[in-house]
Amino acid sequence: MQKKIVIGLLGLCATLPLAADQKPPVFYFGGKRLFVGMSKTEAVASFSACCKLSPPADFENEKSVADTGRMLGHFISSKEESPQRFLGSIFFGGGKVVRITRPVDEDKIDPENDDVVAFARAFSRVFSLSEGKDSGTTVLVSVRHDRTTNADAEILSFSFSNGRGVELQIVTLDAPSKFTGKRDSISLDEVLEPPRR
């Protein structure tokens, strides 16, 4: 019963508009605020000092959305640095910002590292096995901290309505492992639990 209430509340929260005193989430590029819903003109002006869009902002790829059914956007890169750094992407629709992305921990993750790519592919594969490719199924995401006798763990869980799930555990041992000499490790597991109701 509690699970039904929690899921119902999450669904209700997802459909409610922001309260008058709440501001939409923002990203900052070159010290300028960008958010979904701001005008394309304002967003492009915000990028002018720090960043470059590729293709340029005046390139009308919004028209292609109707033809392809896909949202097309612009890469955001640094303007002055050499080599240029990828900072994210931005998508426009109807003269407004409809989507913005930016890399997470880009200074700590090499996106071309074979191990990182293999891990991301395993993560993707386990999701497609759980619910089928391009299923558009809703997933319940939860984060929790666990403490064992010799380690701390951050656990990120993705639960599907059919009882399958995916769990990512990031473990930090109190002392380095006597086998590897390392303290940090991750595990990616498929999980079977009672289906959500």
C-alpha atoms as a PDB file:
ATOM      1  CA  MET A   1       0.000   0.000   0.000  1.00  0.00           C
ATOM      2  CA  GLN A   2       2.803   2.435   0.908  1.00  0.00           C
ATOM      3  CA  LYS A   3       4.506   1.709  -2.414  1.00  0.00           C
ATOM      4  CA  LYS A   4       1.291   2.612  -4.290  1.00  0.00           C
ATOM      5  CA  ILE A   5       1.029   5.868  -2.374  1.00  0.00           C
ATOM      6  CA  VAL A   6       4.685   6.777  -3.036  1.00  0.00           C
ATOM      7  CA  ILE A   7       4.397   5.978  -6.754  1.00  0.00           C
ATOM      8  CA  GLY A   8       1.107   7.914  -6.942  1.00  0.00           C
ATOM      9  CA  LEU A   9       2.681  10.916  -5.234  1.00  0.00           C
ATOM     10  CA  LEU A  10       5.684  10.781  -7.556  1.00  0.00           C
ATOM     11  CA  GLY A  11       3.334  10.736 -10.542  1.00  0.00           C
ATOM     12  CA  LEU A  12       1.361  13.665  -9.137  1.00  0.00           C
ATOM     13  CA  CYS A  13       4.529  15.660  -8.453  1.00  0.00           C
ATOM     14  CA  ALA A  14       5.749  15.042 -12.000  1.00  0.00           C
ATOM     15  CA  THR A  15       2.574  16.530 -13.443  1.00  0.00           C
ATOM     16  CA  LEU A  16       2.285  19.588 -11.201  1.00  0.00           C
ATOM     17  CA  PRO A  17       3.636  22.886 -12.548  1.00  0.00           C
ATOM     18  CA  LEU A  18       6.323  24.695 -10.572  1.00  0.00           C
ATOM     19  CA  ALA A  19       4.923  26.790  -7.750  1.00  0.00           C
ATOM     20  CA  ALA A  20       5.136  30.552  -8.189  1.00  0.00           C
ATOM     21  CA  ASP A  21       8.120  30.841  -5.833  1.00  0.00           C
ATOM     22  CA  GLN A  22      10.072  28.007  -7.479  1.00  0.00           C
ATOM     23  CA  LYS A  23      12.527  28.742 -10.239  1.00  0.00           C
ATOM     24  CA  PRO A  24      13.285  26.323 -13.073  1.00  0.00           C
ATOM     25  CA  PRO A  25      16.602  24.459 -12.894  1.00  0.00           C
ATOM     26  CA  VAL A  26      19.443  26.253 -14.672  1.00  0.00           C
ATOM     27  CA  PHE A  27      22.843  25.531 -16.174  1.00  0.00           C
ATOM     28  CA  TYR A  28      25.607  28.138 -16.350  1.00  0.00           C
ATOM     29  CA  PHE A  29      27.861  28.639 -19.371  1.00  0.00           C
ATOM     30  CA  GLY A  30      30.460  31.399 -19.141  1.00  0.00           C
ATOM     31  CA  GLY A  31      28.688  32.719 -16.042  1.00  0.00           C
ATOM     32  CA  LYS A  32      25.363  33.137 -17.893  1.00  0.00           C
ATOM     33  CA  ARG A  33      22.156  31.385 -16.817  1.00  0.00           C
ATOM     34  CA  LEU A  34      20.419  29.126 -19.325  1.00  0.00           C
ATOM     35  CA  PHE A  35      17.162  27.293 -18.752  1.00  0.00           C
ATOM     36  CA  VAL A  36      14.415  25.494 -20.630  1.00  0.00           C
ATOM     37  CA  GLY A  37      11.771  27.943 -21.798  1.00  0.00           C
ATOM     38  CA  MET A  38      14.026  30.976 -22.282  1.00  0.00           C
ATOM     39  CA  SER A  39      13.949  32.577 -25.714  1.00  0.00           C
ATOM     40  CA  LYS A  40      16.346  31.372 -28.382  1.00  0.00           C
ATOM     41  CA  THR A  41      17.494  34.963 -28.935  1.00  0.00           C
ATOM     42  CA  GLU A  42      18.379  35.408 -25.254  1.00  0.00           C
ATOM     43  CA  ALA A  43      20.169  32.031 -25.107  1.00  0.00           C
ATOM     44  CA  VAL A  44      22.249  32.746 -28.229  1.00  0.00           C
ATOM     45  CA  ALA A  45      23.196  36.173 -26.836  1.00  0.00           C
ATOM     46  CA  SER A  46      24.301  34.504 -23.572  1.00  0.00           C
ATOM     47  CA  PHE A  47      26.704  32.280 -25.516  1.00  0.00           C
ATOM     48  CA  SER A  48      28.251  35.103 -27.539  1.00  0.00           C
ATOM     49  CA  ALA A  49      31.084  35.899 -25.098  1.00  0.00           C
ATOM     50  CA  CYS A  50      32.181  32.392 -24.103  1.00  0.00           C
ATOM     51  CA  CYS A  51      30.967  29.769 -26.484  1.00  0.00           C
ATOM     52  CA  LYS A  52      30.409  28.694 -30.046  1.00  0.00           C
ATOM     53  CA  LEU A  53      27.418  26.748 -31.406  1.00  0.00           C
ATOM     54  CA  SER A  54      27.846  24.158 -34.123  1.00  0.00           C
ATOM     55  CA  PRO A  55      26.002  24.335 -36.422  1.00  0.00           C
ATOM     56  CA  PRO A  56      25.596  28.101 -35.919  1.00  0.00           C
ATOM     57  CA  ALA A  57      22.415  29.313 -34.225  1.00  0.00           C
ATOM     58  CA  ASP A  58      21.060  30.767 -37.471  1.00  0.00           C
ATOM     59  CA  PHE A  59      21.173  27.300 -39.066  1.00  0.00           C
ATOM     60  CA  GLU A  60      17.511  26.294 -39.177  1.00  0.00           C
ATOM     61  CA  ASN A  61      17.551  22.694 -38.075  1.00  0.00           C
ATOM     62  CA  GLU A  62      14.226  23.130 -36.230  1.00  0.00           C
ATOM     63  CA  LYS A  63      12.494  22.588 -39.580  1.00  0.00           C
ATOM     64  CA  SER A  64      14.121  19.157 -39.847  1.00  0.00           C
ATOM     65  CA  VAL A  65      12.250  17.958 -36.758  1.00  0.00           C
ATOM     66  CA  ALA A  66       9.001  17.656 -38.702  1.00  0.00           C
ATOM     67  CA  ASP A  67      10.779  15.732 -41.461  1.00  0.00           C
ATOM     68  CA  THR A  68      12.721  13.280 -39.290  1.00  0.00           C
ATOM     69  CA  GLY A  69      10.676  13.173 -36.096  1.00  0.00           C
ATOM     70  CA  ARG A  70      13.922  13.736 -34.170  1.00  0.00           C
ATOM     71  CA  MET A  71      14.977  16.777 -32.215  1.00  0.00           C
ATOM     72  CA  LEU A  72      18.112  18.301 -33.730  1.00  0.00           C
ATOM     73  CA  GLY A  73      20.397  20.585 -31.768  1.00  0.00           C
ATOM     74  CA  HIS A  74      23.659  22.466 -31.590  1.00  0.00           C
ATOM     75  CA  PHE A  75      26.948  21.452 -29.944  1.00  0.00           C
ATOM     76  CA  ILE A  76      28.271  24.000 -27.439  1.00  0.00           C
ATOM     77  CA  SER A  77      32.067  24.372 -27.436  1.00  0.00           C
ATOM     78  CA  SER A  78      34.563  26.768 -25.896  1.00  0.00           C
ATOM     79  CA  LYS A  79      35.303  29.833 -27.987  1.00  0.00           C
ATOM     80  CA  GLU A  80      38.862  30.713 -27.011  1.00  0.00           C
ATOM     81  CA  GLU A  81      40.531  27.459 -25.904  1.00  0.00           C
ATOM     82  CA  SER A  82      42.731  25.414 -28.162  1.00  0.00           C
ATOM     83  CA  PRO A  83      41.838  22.673 -28.627  1.00  0.00           C
ATOM     84  CA  GLN A  84      38.193  23.554 -28.243  1.00  0.00           C
ATOM     85  CA  ARG A  85      36.397  21.848 -25.385  1.00  0.00           C
ATOM     86  CA  PHE A  86      32.941  20.263 -25.738  1.00  0.00           C
ATOM     87  CA  LEU A  87      30.697  21.931 -23.139  1.00  0.00           C
ATOM     88  CA  GLY A  88      27.276  20.456 -23.975  1.00  0.00           C
ATOM     89  CA  SER A  89      24.403  20.812 -26.414  1.00  0.00           C
ATOM     90  CA  ILE A  90      21.283  22.924 -26.780  1.00  0.00           C
ATOM     91  CA  PHE A  91      18.010  22.342 -28.621  1.00  0.00           C
ATOM     92  CA  PHE A  92      15.479  24.936 -29.747  1.00  0.00           C
ATOM     93  CA  GLY A  93      11.822  24.643 -30.699  1.00  0.00           C
ATOM     94  CA  GLY A  94       9.277  27.346 -31.383  1.00  0.00           C
ATOM     95  CA  GLY A  95      11.859  30.070 -30.717  1.00  0.00           C
ATOM     96  CA  LYS A  96      12.614  28.760 -27.218  1.00  0.00           C
ATOM     97  CA  VAL A  97      15.138  26.502 -25.490  1.00  0.00           C
ATOM     98  CA  VAL A  98      13.583  23.024 -25.172  1.00  0.00           C
ATOM     99  CA  ARG A  99      16.594  21.010 -23.955  1.00  0.00           C
ATOM    100  CA  ILE A 100      20.145  21.603 -22.651  1.00  0.00           C
ATOM    101  CA  THR A 101      22.854  19.040 -21.848  1.00  0.00           C
ATOM    102  CA  ARG A 102      26.298  19.223 -20.311  1.00  0.00           C
ATOM    103  CA  PRO A 103      28.897  16.555 -19.457  1.00  0.00           C
ATOM    104  CA  VAL A 104      29.154  15.285 -15.892  1.00  0.00           C
ATOM    105  CA  ASP A 105      32.612  15.248 -14.260  1.00  0.00           C
ATOM    106  CA  GLU A 106      34.315  15.733 -17.601  1.00  0.00           C
ATOM    107  CA  ASP A 107      37.638  16.436 -15.886  1.00  0.00           C
ATOM    108  CA  LYS A 108      37.519  13.021 -14.161  1.00  0.00           C
ATOM    109  CA  ILE A 109      36.195  10.791 -16.959  1.00  0.00           C
ATOM    110  CA  ASP A 110      37.902  10.077 -20.263  1.00  0.00           C
ATOM    111  CA  PRO A 111      34.943   9.460 -22.602  1.00  0.00           C
ATOM    112  CA  GLU A 112      37.159   7.532 -25.029  1.00  0.00           C
ATOM    113  CA  ASN A 113      38.620   5.183 -22.407  1.00  0.00           C
ATOM    114  CA  ASP A 114      37.881   1.569 -23.406  1.00  0.00           C
ATOM    115  CA  ASP A 115      36.795   0.615 -19.875  1.00  0.00           C
ATOM    116  CA  VAL A 116      34.410   3.577 -19.618  1.00  0.00           C
ATOM    117  CA  VAL A 117      32.881   2.761 -23.009  1.00  0.00           C
ATOM    118  CA  ALA A 118      32.540  -0.948 -22.092  1.00  0.00           C
ATOM    119  CA  PHE A 119      30.843  -0.040 -18.803  1.00  0.00           C
ATOM    120  CA  ALA A 120      28.389   2.318 -20.525  1.00  0.00           C
ATOM    121  CA  ARG A 121      27.567  -0.386 -23.094  1.00  0.00           C
ATOM    122  CA  ALA A 122      26.956  -2.921 -20.302  1.00  0.00           C
ATOM    123  CA  PHE A 123      24.691  -0.416 -18.557  1.00  0.00           C
ATOM    124  CA  SER A 124      22.742   0.165 -21.779  1.00  0.00           C
ATOM    125  CA  ARG A 125      22.505  -3.557 -22.515  1.00  0.00           C
ATOM    126  CA  VAL A 126      21.154  -4.409 -19.084  1.00  0.00           C
ATOM    127  CA  PHE A 127      18.437  -1.755 -19.472  1.00  0.00           C
ATOM    128  CA  SER A 128      17.367  -3.083 -22.867  1.00  0.00           C
ATOM    129  CA  LEU A 129      17.258  -6.634 -21.459  1.00  0.00           C
ATOM    130  CA  SER A 130      15.101  -5.466 -18.566  1.00  0.00           C
ATOM    131  CA  GLU A 131      12.405  -3.707 -20.548  1.00  0.00           C
ATOM    132  CA  GLY A 132      13.097  -4.064 -24.264  1.00  0.00           C
ATOM    133  CA  LYS A 133      14.772  -1.558 -26.508  1.00  0.00           C
ATOM    134  CA  ASP A 134      13.030   1.809 -26.981  1.00  0.00           C
ATOM    135  CA  SER A 135      10.150   0.699 -24.757  1.00  0.00           C
ATOM    136  CA  GLY A 136       9.686   4.085 -23.126  1.00  0.00           C
ATOM    137  CA  THR A 137       8.869   2.364 -19.831  1.00  0.00           C
ATOM    138  CA  THR A 138       8.815   4.392 -16.640  1.00  0.00           C
ATOM    139  CA  VAL A 139      11.608   3.586 -14.210  1.00  0.00           C
ATOM    140  CA  LEU A 140      11.648   4.307 -10.470  1.00  0.00           C
ATOM    141  CA  VAL A 141      15.077   5.644  -9.488  1.00  0.00           C
ATOM    142  CA  SER A 142      16.287   5.623  -5.907  1.00  0.00           C
ATOM    143  CA  VAL A 143      19.572   6.476  -4.199  1.00  0.00           C
ATOM    144  CA  ARG A 144      20.655   5.222  -0.807  1.00  0.00           C
ATOM    145  CA  HIS A 145      23.772   5.074   1.354  1.00  0.00           C
ATOM    146  CA  ASP A 146      24.796   1.820   3.039  1.00  0.00           C
ATOM    147  CA  ARG A 147      27.440   1.292   5.687  1.00  0.00           C
ATOM    148  CA  THR A 148      28.985  -2.141   6.270  1.00  0.00           C
ATOM    149  CA  THR A 149      31.660  -3.105   8.767  1.00  0.00           C
ATOM    150  CA  ASN A 150      34.507  -2.160   6.420  1.00  0.00           C
ATOM    151  CA  ALA A 151      33.055   0.077   3.696  1.00  0.00           C
ATOM    152  CA  ASP A 152      30.611   2.766   2.602  1.00  0.00           C
ATOM    153  CA  ALA A 153      28.447   2.278  -0.478  1.00  0.00           C
ATOM    154  CA  GLU A 154      26.327   4.587  -2.580  1.00  0.00           C
ATOM    155  CA  ILE A 155      23.637   2.539  -4.298  1.00  0.00           C
ATOM    156  CA  LEU A 156      21.722   3.791  -7.309  1.00  0.00           C
ATOM    157  CA  SER A 157      18.718   1.583  -8.126  1.00  0.00           C
ATOM    158  CA  PHE A 158      16.558   1.556 -11.253  1.00  0.00           C
ATOM    159  CA  SER A 159      13.354  -0.467 -10.755  1.00  0.00           C
ATOM    160  CA  PHE A 160      10.944  -1.490 -13.524  1.00  0.00           C
ATOM    161  CA  SER A 161       7.269  -2.266 -12.952  1.00  0.00           C
ATOM    162  CA  ASN A 162       7.741  -5.948 -13.870  1.00  0.00           C
ATOM    163  CA  GLY A 163      10.121  -6.613 -10.943  1.00  0.00           C
ATOM    164  CA  ARG A 164      13.374  -6.446 -12.892  1.00  0.00           C
ATOM    165  CA  GLY A 165      15.903  -3.800 -12.010  1.00  0.00           C
ATOM    166  CA  VAL A 166      19.442  -2.548 -12.301  1.00  0.00           C
ATOM    167  CA  GLU A 167      21.621  -1.593  -9.343  1.00  0.00           C
ATOM    168  CA  LEU A 168      24.849   0.374  -9.469  1.00  0.00           C
ATOM    169  CA  GLN A 169      26.974   0.225  -6.316  1.00  0.00           C
ATOM    170  CA  ILE A 170      29.940   2.523  -5.712  1.00  0.00           C
ATOM    171  CA  VAL A 171      31.938   1.122  -2.799  1.00  0.00           C
ATOM    172  CA  THR A 172      34.725   2.787  -0.801  1.00  0.00           C
ATOM    173  CA  LEU A 173      36.614   0.483   1.549  1.00  0.00           C
ATOM    174  CA  ASP A 174      37.917   1.865   4.852  1.00  0.00           C
ATOM    175  CA  ALA A 175      41.372   0.496   3.999  1.00  0.00           C
ATOM    176  CA  PRO A 176      42.866  -0.554   0.658  1.00  0.00           C
ATOM    177  CA  SER A 177      42.114  -4.109  -0.472  1.00  0.00           C
ATOM    178  CA  LYS A 178      44.920  -6.546   0.300  1.00  0.00           C
ATOM    179  CA  PHE A 179      44.412  -8.047  -3.188  1.00  0.00           C
ATOM    180  CA  THR A 180      44.321  -4.917  -5.376  1.00  0.00           C
ATOM    181  CA  GLY A 181      45.649  -2.112  -3.164  1.00  0.00           C
ATOM    182  CA  LYS A 182      42.592  -0.028  -4.135  1.00  0.00           C
ATOM    183  CA  ARG A 183      39.780   1.371  -1.998  1.00  0.00           C
ATOM    184  CA  ASP A 184      37.154   2.219  -4.632  1.00  0.00           C
ATOM    185  CA  SER A 185      35.168  -0.156  -6.826  1.00  0.00           C
ATOM    186  CA  ILE A 186      31.849  -0.351  -8.631  1.00  0.00           C
ATOM    187  CA  SER A 187      29.464  -3.149  -9.441  1.00  0.00           C
ATOM    188  CA  LEU A 188      26.577  -3.266 -11.873  1.00  0.00           C
ATOM    189  CA  ASP A 189      23.951  -5.904 -11.123  1.00  0.00           C
ATOM    190  CA  GLU A 190      20.638  -7.022 -12.544  1.00  0.00           C
ATOM    191  CA  VAL A 191      18.025  -7.439  -9.823  1.00  0.00           C
ATOM    192  CA  LEU A 192      14.782  -9.406  -9.530  1.00  0.00           C
ATOM    193  CA  GLU A 193      12.303  -8.211  -6.899  1.00  0.00           C
ATOM    194  CA  PRO A 194       8.525  -8.435  -6.422  1.00  0.00           C
ATOM    195  CA  PRO A 195       6.805  -6.375  -9.166  1.00  0.00           C
ATOM    196  CA  ARG A 196       5.701  -2.856  -8.242  1.00  0.00           C
ATOM    197  CA  ARG A 197       1.957  -2.455  -7.866  1.00  0.00           C
END
